[in-house]
């Protein structure tokens, strides 16, 4: 059997895997290889972040023109919208990503990789099997896969790949879930002409964020014609003539979903397709972990030998591209430093994880919610204002929906969390991330002068809403 050897071998070629390989060998004499069974660039590049935002941005722009005096109202052009999606995913061709990797000195090994002993990967492909060995380290960056309960399996529901890769737009689409994927997909699928019904098991949308954020998104979805049923757990799913017709195509006949909701309209839903968006699980099965005495729980729990690392979704943390890339940069730096007998510098605490939901209104948050902060034992002071209270934000649209909030520790006066709801608030959340990472007290933040009239003036409104005693050191 052919054997190849590199200093670092990464299992999985998504953004986290690419960053781990790059940071491990950049500026060194070490070599690296990425083992990838699908497209180099991973879920984010072809099936998640990039195509979803490529679909959502034109819809947002059209919405702004409908709510802004002095401009003609724009309309979404279905074919052009999907063509834009195809451009951003490079027509599902990863040659550009391969060129980047090879230019960075990283080898691309095609095939399905699994551990076959310490620092050893067995790669299976149509060309046969081969072994790839790592002299220094192996990084698991295999990503995640959709969670599909047994009740849905025979109905062949859509997953997130079908939603972002849509080719056939169903007349009636049922979306099961109330998180980011469900809410964002409801926006672009309704804009493409689907009659969308959202079935949410819990009592609100975006359950891990501040309640007022979920309420604003709920209002926004209903305003664009999406039917939302809260507290609707799906008990049974039946489909006529299910068929694996390919990604983004309708997978058979009509789908009947029976829910626990009490009303006739919510009790039984009939749709032409169902999108399942209820979460993802780390892709760790069939990875050969048993060959080195490990289990998936060891990977997500961080109980790994010194030569083995995990990053991104596979590590079990927040399933966000930017978080996976951050982990990968940290791990890559560790590997590079260890090869030189050194220890890479790292902060003494884990970084806060920001998140943006590209709905209408947009939601951006970082750090702890008010409830989470109290649960952790903090005594908190909360500042909340209408997002429209900043003149720069009000200039973005004629009608600005949403509120924004800071959660501050009452004793240290440090920012614990921030949530922004409104137009283009994604561009506001990084300032909050910096403030949390750098331990900047709110009385110092008051002296970070915001340009006028910009949306960043919202920071002044939020800081002014805090009690007067927070304007000077304790």
Foldseek 3Di string as FASTA:
>chain_A
DAEAEFQEEEEDQALLSLLLQLLQPPPHPGAYEYEHAFARHPCCQQQPVQLLVLLQPVLVVLVQQVFAPPHHRDADDQVVSLVSSCVSSVVRDRPVVCVVCVVSRYHYHHAHWADQAPQKIWGQDPVGIYIYGHNFAYEYEHAWFDDDDPQCVVQPAAESRLLSNADDQWQEEEEEEQEQSSLSSLSSSVSSRHQYEYEYQAQFHNVQADRQQRVLSVVQSVVSRYHYDHNWAWDHKDFPQAACPDRNDQGHAKMWTATPDDDPPRRIDITSGYYYDHDIAAPDPPRHPVSHPDDLCCQLVVVDPPRYHYFAVSVPDPNDSVRRSVVSSQSSNQSNQVVVVHGDDDDPDDAWDWDWRSGVFIKIKTFHHPVRCVVVPFDWDKFKDFLVPQVQQCNSGVDWDDMKMWIARPPLQATGMIMGTTHPCNVVVVVNSCSNVVRPHLLRVCPPDDDPRHSNCVSNVRSVRTDPVSNDDD
